[in-house]
Amino acid sequence: MAKRSVPISDQLRAAIRDCGSTIYRVSKDCGIAESQLHNFVNGKCGVGLQNLDRLCEYVGLELRSAKRPPKKRKKG
């Protein structure tokens, strides 16, 4: 059985919740609107790549490419 990976958004939400800082503090430190961060953490919206970079750096997450073989296309 193939192991399913956890989406980066879910990992980031958990890391923000577990980092020991408030949403307010994270938002100020990362330069992201508190309301946007609150909505992201509560699964109501996503974040752009620039904010994703800032948040990952803040909580110590690193994005890496998973080496997967390309999907085979069906012919016809």
Protein backbone atom coordinates (compact mmCIF):
# COMPACT_ATOMS: atom_id res chain seq x y z
CA MET A 1 0.00 0.00 0.00
CA ALA A 2 1.37 3.40 -0.98
CA LYS A 3 2.06 5.84 1.81
CA ARG A 4 0.02 9.02 1.44
CA SER A 5 1.81 12.28 2.06
CA VAL A 6 0.25 15.03 4.15
CA PRO A 7 -0.39 18.21 2.13
CA ILE A 8 2.04 21.02 2.92
CA SER A 9 -0.88 23.28 3.87
CA ASP A 10 -1.94 20.82 6.59
CA GLN A 11 1.63 20.46 7.81
CA LEU A 12 2.02 24.22 7.94
CA ARG A 13 -1.27 24.74 9.79
CA ALA A 14 -0.19 22.21 12.42
CA ALA A 15 3.28 23.75 12.72
CA ILE A 16 1.82 27.23 13.25
CA ARG A 17 -0.55 25.92 15.93
CA ASP A 18 2.31 24.05 17.64
CA CYS A 19 5.01 26.73 17.41
CA GLY A 20 4.14 28.34 20.75
CA SER A 21 3.37 31.76 19.28
CA THR A 22 0.03 33.44 18.82
CA ILE A 23 -1.49 34.07 15.40
CA TYR A 24 -0.96 37.76 16.11
CA ARG A 25 2.77 37.28 16.80
CA VAL A 26 3.29 35.05 13.75
CA SER A 27 1.45 37.54 11.54
CA LYS A 28 3.57 40.45 12.77
CA ASP A 29 6.84 38.53 12.51
CA CYS A 30 6.04 37.32 8.98
CA GLY A 31 4.40 40.49 7.67
CA ILE A 32 1.09 38.78 6.92
CA ALA A 33 -2.32 40.23 7.79
CA GLU A 34 -3.60 38.66 11.00
CA SER A 35 -7.03 38.01 9.47
CA GLN A 36 -5.49 36.21 6.48
CA LEU A 37 -3.31 34.05 8.71
CA HIS A 38 -6.23 33.27 10.99
CA ASN A 39 -8.34 32.20 8.00
CA PHE A 40 -5.49 30.06 6.66
CA VAL A 41 -4.91 28.30 9.98
CA ASN A 42 -8.64 27.59 10.22
CA GLY A 43 -8.76 26.15 6.69
CA LYS A 44 -10.88 28.94 5.20
CA CYS A 45 -8.36 30.11 2.60
CA GLY A 46 -4.91 29.43 1.19
CA VAL A 47 -1.79 31.57 1.13
CA GLY A 48 0.35 32.80 -1.72
CA LEU A 49 3.82 31.45 -2.40
CA GLN A 50 5.59 34.43 -0.85
CA ASN A 51 3.65 34.03 2.39
CA LEU A 52 4.13 30.27 2.24
CA ASP A 53 7.90 30.83 2.13
CA ARG A 54 7.76 33.21 5.09
CA LEU A 55 5.61 30.89 7.19
CA CYS A 56 7.69 27.80 6.43
CA GLU A 57 10.86 29.64 7.41
CA TYR A 58 9.23 30.90 10.61
CA VAL A 59 8.17 27.45 11.81
CA GLY A 60 11.17 25.58 10.39
CA LEU A 61 9.52 23.63 7.57
CA GLU A 62 11.43 22.93 4.38
CA LEU A 63 9.81 22.26 1.03
CA ARG A 64 11.40 19.51 -1.01
CA SER A 65 10.49 17.94 -4.28
CA ALA A 66 9.28 14.37 -4.06
CA LYS A 67 10.92 12.24 -6.68
CA ARG A 68 8.08 10.43 -8.35
CA PRO A 69 8.03 8.78 -11.73
CA PRO A 70 5.92 10.63 -14.29
CA LYS A 71 2.36 9.41 -14.71
CA LYS A 72 1.74 7.23 -17.73
CA ARG A 73 -0.69 8.64 -20.23
CA LYS A 74 -3.40 6.49 -21.68
CA LYS A 75 -3.24 6.13 -25.41
CA GLY A 76 -6.19 6.81 -27.62
